[in-house]
PDB file of all heavy atoms in Angstrom:
ATOM      1  N   ARG A   1      -7.036  13.149   4.123  1.00  0.00           N
ATOM      2  CA  ARG A   1      -7.530  12.289   3.027  1.00  0.00           C
ATOM      3  C   ARG A   1      -7.058  10.818   3.346  1.00  0.00           C
ATOM      4  O   ARG A   1      -6.002  10.537   3.708  1.00  0.00           O
ATOM      5  CB  ARG A   1      -6.961  12.737   1.674  1.00  0.00           C
ATOM      6  CG  ARG A   1      -7.785  13.883   1.112  1.00  0.00           C
ATOM      7  CD  ARG A   1      -7.090  14.437  -0.172  1.00  0.00           C
ATOM      8  NE  ARG A   1      -5.840  15.012   0.175  1.00  0.00           N
ATOM      9  CZ  ARG A   1      -4.667  14.784  -0.502  1.00  0.00           C
ATOM     10  NH1 ARG A   1      -4.692  13.973  -1.575  1.00  0.00           N
ATOM     11  NH2 ARG A   1      -3.573  15.338  -0.168  1.00  0.00           N
ATOM     12  N   SER A   2      -8.001   9.909   2.988  1.00  0.00           N
ATOM     13  CA  SER A   2      -7.743   8.471   3.203  1.00  0.00           C
ATOM     14  C   SER A   2      -7.052   7.882   1.947  1.00  0.00           C
ATOM     15  O   SER A   2      -6.970   8.496   0.931  1.00  0.00           O
ATOM     16  CB  SER A   2      -9.040   7.763   3.384  1.00  0.00           C
ATOM     17  OG  SER A   2      -9.783   7.638   2.169  1.00  0.00           O
ATOM     18  N   PRO A   3      -6.516   6.641   2.122  1.00  0.00           N
ATOM     19  CA  PRO A   3      -5.968   5.937   0.887  1.00  0.00           C
ATOM     20  C   PRO A   3      -6.958   5.935  -0.184  1.00  0.00           C
ATOM     21  O   PRO A   3      -6.658   6.073  -1.428  1.00  0.00           O
ATOM     22  CB  PRO A   3      -5.572   4.629   1.439  1.00  0.00           C
ATOM     23  CG  PRO A   3      -5.404   4.801   2.893  1.00  0.00           C
ATOM     24  CD  PRO A   3      -6.344   5.801   3.301  1.00  0.00           C
ATOM     25  N   PHE A   4      -8.255   5.738   0.175  1.00  0.00           N
ATOM     26  CA  PHE A   4      -9.298   5.550  -0.827  1.00  0.00           C
ATOM     27  C   PHE A   4      -9.602   6.890  -1.567  1.00  0.00           C
ATOM     28  O   PHE A   4     -10.016   6.856  -2.708  1.00  0.00           O
ATOM     29  CB  PHE A   4     -10.555   4.943  -0.194  1.00  0.00           C
ATOM     30  CG  PHE A   4     -10.192   3.871   0.851  1.00  0.00           C
ATOM     31  CD1 PHE A   4     -10.468   3.973   2.204  1.00  0.00           C
ATOM     32  CD2 PHE A   4      -9.330   2.797   0.463  1.00  0.00           C
ATOM     33  CE1 PHE A   4     -10.111   3.028   3.101  1.00  0.00           C
ATOM     34  CE2 PHE A   4      -8.959   1.849   1.390  1.00  0.00           C
ATOM     35  CZ  PHE A   4      -9.321   1.925   2.704  1.00  0.00           C
ATOM     36  N   ASP A   5      -9.509   8.011  -0.870  1.00  0.00           N
ATOM     37  CA  ASP A   5      -9.622   9.280  -1.545  1.00  0.00           C
ATOM     38  C   ASP A   5      -8.525   9.435  -2.597  1.00  0.00           C
ATOM     39  O   ASP A   5      -8.805   9.845  -3.692  1.00  0.00           O
ATOM     40  CB  ASP A   5      -9.453  10.452  -0.536  1.00  0.00           C
ATOM     41  CG  ASP A   5     -10.650  10.554   0.417  1.00  0.00           C
ATOM     42  OD1 ASP A   5     -11.805  10.351  -0.017  1.00  0.00           O
ATOM     43  OD2 ASP A   5     -10.417  11.021   1.594  1.00  0.00           O
ATOM     44  N   ARG A   6      -7.328   9.074  -2.256  1.00  0.00           N
ATOM     45  CA  ARG A   6      -6.184   9.229  -3.198  1.00  0.00           C
ATOM     46  C   ARG A   6      -6.383   8.281  -4.421  1.00  0.00           C
ATOM     47  O   ARG A   6      -6.103   8.670  -5.500  1.00  0.00           O
ATOM     48  CB  ARG A   6      -4.889   8.898  -2.505  1.00  0.00           C
ATOM     49  CG  ARG A   6      -4.532   9.920  -1.357  1.00  0.00           C
ATOM     50  CD  ARG A   6      -3.107   9.690  -0.873  1.00  0.00           C
ATOM     51  NE  ARG A   6      -2.971   8.391  -0.242  1.00  0.00           N
ATOM     52  CZ  ARG A   6      -3.084   8.175   1.048  1.00  0.00           C
ATOM     53  NH1 ARG A   6      -3.481   9.142   1.914  1.00  0.00           N
ATOM     54  NH2 ARG A   6      -2.824   7.009   1.576  1.00  0.00           N
ATOM     55  N   MET A   7      -6.826   7.033  -4.132  1.00  0.00           N
ATOM     56  CA  MET A   7      -7.058   6.117  -5.240  1.00  0.00           C
ATOM     57  C   MET A   7      -8.166   6.569  -6.160  1.00  0.00           C
ATOM     58  O   MET A   7      -8.014   6.486  -7.404  1.00  0.00           O
ATOM     59  CB  MET A   7      -7.354   4.681  -4.702  1.00  0.00           C
ATOM     60  CG  MET A   7      -6.214   4.087  -3.938  1.00  0.00           C
ATOM     61  SD  MET A   7      -6.628   2.412  -3.418  1.00  0.00           S
ATOM     62  CE  MET A   7      -5.740   2.360  -1.821  1.00  0.00           C
ATOM     63  N   ARG A   8      -9.210   7.172  -5.650  1.00  0.00           N
ATOM     64  CA  ARG A   8     -10.342   7.635  -6.418  1.00  0.00           C
ATOM     65  C   ARG A   8      -9.812   8.863  -7.238  1.00  0.00           C
ATOM     66  O   ARG A   8     -10.237   9.051  -8.395  1.00  0.00           O
ATOM     67  CB  ARG A   8     -11.529   7.963  -5.515  1.00  0.00           C
ATOM     68  CG  ARG A   8     -12.197   6.707  -4.966  1.00  0.00           C
ATOM     69  CD  ARG A   8     -13.354   7.116  -4.142  1.00  0.00           C
ATOM     70  NE  ARG A   8     -14.078   5.952  -3.533  1.00  0.00           N
ATOM     71  CZ  ARG A   8     -13.975   5.647  -2.220  1.00  0.00           C
ATOM     72  NH1 ARG A   8     -13.295   6.464  -1.408  1.00  0.00           N
ATOM     73  NH2 ARG A   8     -14.554   4.572  -1.758  1.00  0.00           N
ATOM     74  N   GLU A   9      -9.072   9.731  -6.565  1.00  0.00           N
ATOM     75  CA  GLU A   9      -8.601  10.918  -7.218  1.00  0.00           C
ATOM     76  C   GLU A   9      -7.649  10.545  -8.425  1.00  0.00           C
ATOM     77  O   GLU A   9      -7.644  11.246  -9.418  1.00  0.00           O
ATOM     78  CB  GLU A   9      -7.872  11.881  -6.290  1.00  0.00           C
ATOM     79  CG  GLU A   9      -7.633  13.277  -6.840  1.00  0.00           C
ATOM     80  CD  GLU A   9      -6.205  13.630  -6.876  1.00  0.00           C
ATOM     81  OE1 GLU A   9      -5.426  13.458  -5.927  1.00  0.00           O
ATOM     82  OE2 GLU A   9      -5.743  14.113  -7.978  1.00  0.00           O
ATOM     83  N   ALA A  10      -6.938   9.417  -8.244  1.00  0.00           N
ATOM     84  CA  ALA A  10      -6.129   8.997  -9.344  1.00  0.00           C
ATOM     85  C   ALA A  10      -6.888   8.337 -10.546  1.00  0.00           C
ATOM     86  O   ALA A  10      -6.380   8.122 -11.573  1.00  0.00           O
ATOM     87  CB  ALA A  10      -5.131   7.917  -8.797  1.00  0.00           C
ATOM     88  N   GLY A  11      -8.250   8.163 -10.293  1.00  0.00           N
ATOM     89  CA  GLY A  11      -9.075   7.625 -11.339  1.00  0.00           C
ATOM     90  C   GLY A  11      -9.481   6.149 -11.145  1.00  0.00           C
ATOM     91  O   GLY A  11     -10.077   5.611 -12.083  1.00  0.00           O
ATOM     92  N   PHE A  12      -9.067   5.518 -10.061  1.00  0.00           N
ATOM     93  CA  PHE A  12      -9.424   4.128  -9.851  1.00  0.00           C
ATOM     94  C   PHE A  12     -10.942   4.005  -9.512  1.00  0.00           C
ATOM     95  O   PHE A  12     -11.407   4.744  -8.603  1.00  0.00           O
ATOM     96  CB  PHE A  12      -8.555   3.528  -8.822  1.00  0.00           C
ATOM     97  CG  PHE A  12      -8.819   2.061  -8.571  1.00  0.00           C
ATOM     98  CD1 PHE A  12      -8.448   1.179  -9.603  1.00  0.00           C
ATOM     99  CD2 PHE A  12      -9.471   1.601  -7.470  1.00  0.00           C
ATOM    100  CE1 PHE A  12      -8.699  -0.212  -9.544  1.00  0.00           C
ATOM    101  CE2 PHE A  12      -9.728   0.227  -7.298  1.00  0.00           C
ATOM    102  CZ  PHE A  12      -9.332  -0.633  -8.341  1.00  0.00           C
ATOM    103  N   ARG A  13     -11.641   3.136 -10.229  1.00  0.00           N
ATOM    104  CA  ARG A  13     -13.052   3.001  -9.992  1.00  0.00           C
ATOM    105  C   ARG A  13     -13.492   1.710  -9.255  1.00  0.00           C
ATOM    106  O   ARG A  13     -14.685   1.456  -9.165  1.00  0.00           O
ATOM    107  CB  ARG A  13     -13.745   3.052 -11.364  1.00  0.00           C
ATOM    108  CG  ARG A  13     -13.557   4.296 -12.217  1.00  0.00           C
ATOM    109  CD  ARG A  13     -14.104   5.520 -11.513  1.00  0.00           C
ATOM    110  NE  ARG A  13     -14.091   6.699 -12.321  1.00  0.00           N
ATOM    111  CZ  ARG A  13     -13.123   7.594 -12.451  1.00  0.00           C
ATOM    112  NH1 ARG A  13     -12.054   7.408 -11.677  1.00  0.00           N
ATOM    113  NH2 ARG A  13     -13.190   8.551 -13.267  1.00  0.00           N
ATOM    114  N   GLY A  14     -12.585   0.925  -8.768  1.00  0.00           N
ATOM    115  CA  GLY A  14     -12.888  -0.342  -8.172  1.00  0.00           C
ATOM    116  C   GLY A  14     -13.567  -0.184  -6.815  1.00  0.00           C
ATOM    117  O   GLY A  14     -13.553   0.908  -6.179  1.00  0.00           O
ATOM    118  N   CYS A  15     -14.231  -1.278  -6.395  1.00  0.00           N
ATOM    119  CA  CYS A  15     -14.944  -1.256  -5.077  1.00  0.00           C
ATOM    120  C   CYS A  15     -13.993  -1.728  -3.942  1.00  0.00           C
ATOM    121  O   CYS A  15     -14.239  -1.370  -2.834  1.00  0.00           O
ATOM    122  CB  CYS A  15     -16.172  -2.107  -5.159  1.00  0.00           C
ATOM    123  SG  CYS A  15     -17.501  -1.331  -6.056  1.00  0.00           S
ATOM    124  N   ALA A  16     -13.092  -2.662  -4.246  1.00  0.00           N
ATOM    125  CA  ALA A  16     -12.227  -3.276  -3.188  1.00  0.00           C
ATOM    126  C   ALA A  16     -10.927  -2.502  -3.241  1.00  0.00           C
ATOM    127  O   ALA A  16     -10.284  -2.353  -4.303  1.00  0.00           O
ATOM    128  CB  ALA A  16     -12.038  -4.729  -3.390  1.00  0.00           C
ATOM    129  N   MET A  17     -10.477  -1.998  -2.117  1.00  0.00           N
ATOM    130  CA  MET A  17      -9.225  -1.186  -2.042  1.00  0.00           C
ATOM    131  C   MET A  17      -8.515  -1.544  -0.735  1.00  0.00           C
ATOM    132  O   MET A  17      -9.119  -1.763   0.303  1.00  0.00           O
ATOM    133  CB  MET A  17      -9.449   0.264  -2.122  1.00  0.00           C
ATOM    134  CG  MET A  17      -9.937   0.758  -3.495  1.00  0.00           C
ATOM    135  SD  MET A  17     -10.328   2.486  -3.536  1.00  0.00           S
ATOM    136  CE  MET A  17     -11.999   2.435  -2.964  1.00  0.00           C
ATOM    137  N   GLY A  18      -7.199  -1.530  -0.809  1.00  0.00           N
ATOM    138  CA  GLY A  18      -6.397  -1.733   0.397  1.00  0.00           C
ATOM    139  C   GLY A  18      -5.057  -1.079   0.246  1.00  0.00           C
ATOM    140  O   GLY A  18      -4.633  -0.756  -0.873  1.00  0.00           O
ATOM    141  N   GLU A  19      -4.414  -0.841   1.389  1.00  0.00           N
ATOM    142  CA  GLU A  19      -3.049  -0.154   1.358  1.00  0.00           C
ATOM    143  C   GLU A  19      -2.097  -0.786   2.365  1.00  0.00           C
ATOM    144  O   GLU A  19      -2.540  -1.010   3.526  1.00  0.00           O
ATOM    145  CB  GLU A  19      -3.258   1.283   1.559  1.00  0.00           C
ATOM    146  CG  GLU A  19      -1.867   2.030   1.599  1.00  0.00           C
ATOM    147  CD  GLU A  19      -1.999   3.549   1.635  1.00  0.00           C
ATOM    148  OE1 GLU A  19      -2.156   4.207   0.579  1.00  0.00           O
ATOM    149  OE2 GLU A  19      -2.066   4.070   2.841  1.00  0.00           O
ATOM    150  N   ASN A  20      -0.934  -1.067   1.999  1.00  0.00           N
ATOM    151  CA  ASN A  20       0.187  -1.387   2.857  1.00  0.00           C
ATOM    152  C   ASN A  20       1.170  -0.238   2.804  1.00  0.00           C
ATOM    153  O   ASN A  20       1.544   0.222   1.704  1.00  0.00           O
ATOM    154  CB  ASN A  20       0.872  -2.676   2.497  1.00  0.00           C
ATOM    155  CG  ASN A  20       0.069  -3.946   2.805  1.00  0.00           C
ATOM    156  OD1 ASN A  20      -0.830  -3.899   3.607  1.00  0.00           O
ATOM    157  ND2 ASN A  20       0.486  -5.049   2.311  1.00  0.00           N
ATOM    158  N   ILE A  21       1.805   0.152   3.917  1.00  0.00           N
ATOM    159  CA  ILE A  21       2.878   1.113   3.879  1.00  0.00           C
ATOM    160  C   ILE A  21       4.018   0.589   4.798  1.00  0.00           C
ATOM    161  O   ILE A  21       3.772  -0.203   5.730  1.00  0.00           O
ATOM    162  CB  ILE A  21       2.428   2.471   4.320  1.00  0.00           C
ATOM    163  CG1 ILE A  21       1.941   2.565   5.781  1.00  0.00           C
ATOM    164  CG2 ILE A  21       1.414   3.046   3.445  1.00  0.00           C
ATOM    165  CD1 ILE A  21       1.631   3.973   6.311  1.00  0.00           C
ATOM    166  N   ALA A  22       5.233   1.012   4.521  1.00  0.00           N
ATOM    167  CA  ALA A  22       6.341   0.665   5.333  1.00  0.00           C
ATOM    168  C   ALA A  22       7.412   1.670   5.118  1.00  0.00           C
ATOM    169  O   ALA A  22       7.442   2.425   4.056  1.00  0.00           O
ATOM    170  CB  ALA A  22       6.896  -0.713   5.014  1.00  0.00           C
ATOM    171  N   ALA A  23       8.434   1.787   6.026  1.00  0.00           N
ATOM    172  CA  ALA A  23       9.507   2.701   5.826  1.00  0.00           C
ATOM    173  C   ALA A  23      10.790   2.073   6.476  1.00  0.00           C
ATOM    174  O   ALA A  23      10.703   1.467   7.511  1.00  0.00           O
ATOM    175  CB  ALA A  23       9.291   4.068   6.462  1.00  0.00           C
ATOM    176  N   GLY A  24      11.913   2.358   5.837  1.00  0.00           N
ATOM    177  CA  GLY A  24      13.209   1.937   6.355  1.00  0.00           C
ATOM    178  C   GLY A  24      13.787   0.764   5.733  1.00  0.00           C
ATOM    179  O   GLY A  24      15.036   0.540   5.898  1.00  0.00           O
ATOM    180  N   GLN A  25      13.009  -0.088   5.074  1.00  0.00           N
ATOM    181  CA  GLN A  25      13.545  -1.367   4.475  1.00  0.00           C
ATOM    182  C   GLN A  25      14.306  -0.931   3.266  1.00  0.00           C
ATOM    183  O   GLN A  25      13.857  -0.203   2.382  1.00  0.00           O
ATOM    184  CB  GLN A  25      12.424  -2.283   4.155  1.00  0.00           C
ATOM    185  CG  GLN A  25      11.686  -2.879   5.371  1.00  0.00           C
ATOM    186  CD  GLN A  25      10.587  -1.953   5.883  1.00  0.00           C
ATOM    187  OE1 GLN A  25      10.358  -0.799   5.330  1.00  0.00           O
ATOM    188  NE2 GLN A  25       9.843  -2.281   6.900  1.00  0.00           N
ATOM    189  N   PRO A  26      15.610  -1.518   3.046  1.00  0.00           N
ATOM    190  CA  PRO A  26      16.405  -1.081   1.895  1.00  0.00           C
ATOM    191  C   PRO A  26      16.113  -1.732   0.641  1.00  0.00           C
ATOM    192  O   PRO A  26      16.565  -1.226  -0.400  1.00  0.00           O
ATOM    193  CB  PRO A  26      17.831  -1.436   2.480  1.00  0.00           C
ATOM    194  CG  PRO A  26      17.655  -2.655   3.368  1.00  0.00           C
ATOM    195  CD  PRO A  26      16.277  -2.326   3.970  1.00  0.00           C
ATOM    196  N   THR A  27      15.465  -2.882   0.618  1.00  0.00           N
ATOM    197  CA  THR A  27      15.263  -3.625  -0.602  1.00  0.00           C
ATOM    198  C   THR A  27      13.861  -4.098  -0.696  1.00  0.00           C
ATOM    199  O   THR A  27      13.137  -4.277   0.298  1.00  0.00           O
ATOM    200  CB  THR A  27      16.245  -4.853  -0.694  1.00  0.00           C
ATOM    201  OG1 THR A  27      15.862  -5.786   0.308  1.00  0.00           O
ATOM    202  CG2 THR A  27      17.670  -4.408  -0.522  1.00  0.00           C
ATOM    203  N   PRO A  28      13.421  -4.454  -1.970  1.00  0.00           N
ATOM    204  CA  PRO A  28      12.065  -5.046  -2.124  1.00  0.00           C
ATOM    205  C   PRO A  28      11.957  -6.345  -1.326  1.00  0.00           C
ATOM    206  O   PRO A  28      10.843  -6.599  -0.724  1.00  0.00           O
ATOM    207  CB  PRO A  28      11.969  -5.345  -3.639  1.00  0.00           C
ATOM    208  CG  PRO A  28      12.862  -4.302  -4.248  1.00  0.00           C
ATOM    209  CD  PRO A  28      14.040  -4.150  -3.316  1.00  0.00           C
ATOM    210  N   ARG A  29      12.920  -7.190  -1.264  1.00  0.00           N
ATOM    211  CA  ARG A  29      12.888  -8.418  -0.515  1.00  0.00           C
ATOM    212  C   ARG A  29      12.683  -8.199   0.953  1.00  0.00           C
ATOM    213  O   ARG A  29      11.861  -8.849   1.607  1.00  0.00           O
ATOM    214  CB  ARG A  29      14.146  -9.228  -0.723  1.00  0.00           C
ATOM    215  CG  ARG A  29      14.243 -10.510   0.081  1.00  0.00           C
ATOM    216  CD  ARG A  29      13.196 -11.590  -0.414  1.00  0.00           C
ATOM    217  NE  ARG A  29      13.558 -12.012  -1.745  1.00  0.00           N
ATOM    218  CZ  ARG A  29      12.929 -12.939  -2.420  1.00  0.00           C
ATOM    219  NH1 ARG A  29      11.848 -13.513  -1.757  1.00  0.00           N
ATOM    220  NH2 ARG A  29      13.264 -13.386  -3.637  1.00  0.00           N
ATOM    221  N   SER A  30      13.387  -7.199   1.510  1.00  0.00           N
ATOM    222  CA  SER A  30      13.212  -6.914   2.984  1.00  0.00           C
ATOM    223  C   SER A  30      11.869  -6.400   3.319  1.00  0.00           C
ATOM    224  O   SER A  30      11.301  -6.744   4.368  1.00  0.00           O
ATOM    225  CB  SER A  30      14.369  -6.003   3.463  1.00  0.00           C
ATOM    226  OG  SER A  30      14.284  -4.756   2.790  1.00  0.00           O
ATOM    227  N   VAL A  31      11.342  -5.549   2.494  1.00  0.00           N
ATOM    228  CA  VAL A  31       9.973  -4.962   2.837  1.00  0.00           C
ATOM    229  C   VAL A  31       8.949  -6.100   2.638  1.00  0.00           C
ATOM    230  O   VAL A  31       7.964  -6.189   3.441  1.00  0.00           O
ATOM    231  CB  VAL A  31       9.654  -3.692   2.003  1.00  0.00           C
ATOM    232  CG1 VAL A  31       9.298  -4.033   0.546  1.00  0.00           C
ATOM    233  CG2 VAL A  31       8.497  -2.935   2.631  1.00  0.00           C
ATOM    234  N   MET A  32       9.066  -6.938   1.649  1.00  0.00           N
ATOM    235  CA  MET A  32       8.111  -7.950   1.474  1.00  0.00           C
ATOM    236  C   MET A  32       8.208  -8.972   2.649  1.00  0.00           C
ATOM    237  O   MET A  32       7.150  -9.475   3.126  1.00  0.00           O
ATOM    238  CB  MET A  32       8.345  -8.692   0.142  1.00  0.00           C
ATOM    239  CG  MET A  32       7.919  -7.952  -1.133  1.00  0.00           C
ATOM    240  SD  MET A  32       5.984  -7.809  -1.063  1.00  0.00           S
ATOM    241  CE  MET A  32       5.570  -9.524  -1.162  1.00  0.00           C
ATOM    242  N   ASP A  33       9.451  -9.297   3.075  1.00  0.00           N
ATOM    243  CA  ASP A  33       9.575 -10.186   4.263  1.00  0.00           C
ATOM    244  C   ASP A  33       8.768  -9.623   5.485  1.00  0.00           C
ATOM    245  O   ASP A  33       8.086 -10.324   6.191  1.00  0.00           O
ATOM    246  CB  ASP A  33      11.041 -10.411   4.555  1.00  0.00           C
ATOM    247  CG  ASP A  33      11.708 -11.338   3.619  1.00  0.00           C
ATOM    248  OD1 ASP A  33      11.003 -12.007   2.813  1.00  0.00           O
ATOM    249  OD2 ASP A  33      13.007 -11.368   3.592  1.00  0.00           O
ATOM    250  N   ASP A  34       9.005  -8.294   5.677  1.00  0.00           N
ATOM    251  CA  ASP A  34       8.315  -7.640   6.834  1.00  0.00           C
ATOM    252  C   ASP A  34       6.780  -7.705   6.668  1.00  0.00           C
ATOM    253  O   ASP A  34       6.029  -7.999   7.613  1.00  0.00           O
ATOM    254  CB  ASP A  34       8.805  -6.197   6.942  1.00  0.00           C
ATOM    255  CG  ASP A  34      10.154  -6.155   7.670  1.00  0.00           C
ATOM    256  OD1 ASP A  34      10.679  -7.161   8.168  1.00  0.00           O
ATOM    257  OD2 ASP A  34      10.785  -5.067   7.654  1.00  0.00           O
ATOM    258  N   TRP A  35       6.322  -7.375   5.488  1.00  0.00           N
ATOM    259  CA  TRP A  35       4.841  -7.392   5.285  1.00  0.00           C
ATOM    260  C   TRP A  35       4.307  -8.814   5.464  1.00  0.00           C
ATOM    261  O   TRP A  35       3.229  -8.938   6.053  1.00  0.00           O
ATOM    262  CB  TRP A  35       4.583  -6.862   3.885  1.00  0.00           C
ATOM    263  CG  TRP A  35       4.476  -5.349   3.734  1.00  0.00           C
ATOM    264  CD1 TRP A  35       4.116  -4.494   4.815  1.00  0.00           C
ATOM    265  CD2 TRP A  35       4.740  -4.613   2.638  1.00  0.00           C
ATOM    266  NE1 TRP A  35       4.155  -3.203   4.274  1.00  0.00           N
ATOM    267  CE2 TRP A  35       4.453  -3.225   2.960  1.00  0.00           C
ATOM    268  CE3 TRP A  35       5.105  -4.890   1.351  1.00  0.00           C
ATOM    269  CZ2 TRP A  35       4.685  -2.161   2.031  1.00  0.00           C
ATOM    270  CZ3 TRP A  35       5.240  -3.840   0.408  1.00  0.00           C
ATOM    271  CH2 TRP A  35       5.067  -2.529   0.808  1.00  0.00           C
ATOM    272  N   LEU A  36       5.012  -9.783   5.001  1.00  0.00           N
ATOM    273  CA  LEU A  36       4.486 -11.169   5.085  1.00  0.00           C
ATOM    274  C   LEU A  36       4.455 -11.643   6.480  1.00  0.00           C
ATOM    275  O   LEU A  36       3.700 -12.582   6.884  1.00  0.00           O
ATOM    276  CB  LEU A  36       5.284 -12.121   4.182  1.00  0.00           C
ATOM    277  CG  LEU A  36       4.965 -12.016   2.662  1.00  0.00           C
ATOM    278  CD1 LEU A  36       6.028 -12.731   1.856  1.00  0.00           C
ATOM    279  CD2 LEU A  36       3.618 -12.505   2.356  1.00  0.00           C
ATOM    280  N   GLN A  37       5.283 -11.088   7.362  1.00  0.00           N
ATOM    281  CA  GLN A  37       5.322 -11.534   8.682  1.00  0.00           C
ATOM    282  C   GLN A  37       4.333 -10.731   9.648  1.00  0.00           C
ATOM    283  O   GLN A  37       4.115 -11.106  10.793  1.00  0.00           O
ATOM    284  CB  GLN A  37       6.780 -11.326   9.265  1.00  0.00           C
ATOM    285  CG  GLN A  37       7.775 -12.272   8.764  1.00  0.00           C
ATOM    286  CD  GLN A  37       9.257 -11.888   9.020  1.00  0.00           C
ATOM    287  OE1 GLN A  37       9.511 -11.210  10.020  1.00  0.00           O
ATOM    288  NE2 GLN A  37      10.179 -12.386   8.257  1.00  0.00           N
ATOM    289  N   SER A  38       3.686  -9.774   9.059  1.00  0.00           N
ATOM    290  CA  SER A  38       2.635  -8.971   9.755  1.00  0.00           C
ATOM    291  C   SER A  38       1.275  -9.494   9.277  1.00  0.00           C
ATOM    292  O   SER A  38       0.928  -9.355   8.024  1.00  0.00           O
ATOM    293  CB  SER A  38       2.818  -7.495   9.376  1.00  0.00           C
ATOM    294  OG  SER A  38       1.751  -6.774   9.883  1.00  0.00           O
TER     295      SER A  38
END
């Protein structure tokens, strides 16, 4: 199943969808720093 399958199954009806994932970062600040650098 894709991220969009999961979002639709949750009941989301929007047309624009996106997903970011990460693992290993210990804090919100650290994961955001990594995402912003990618």
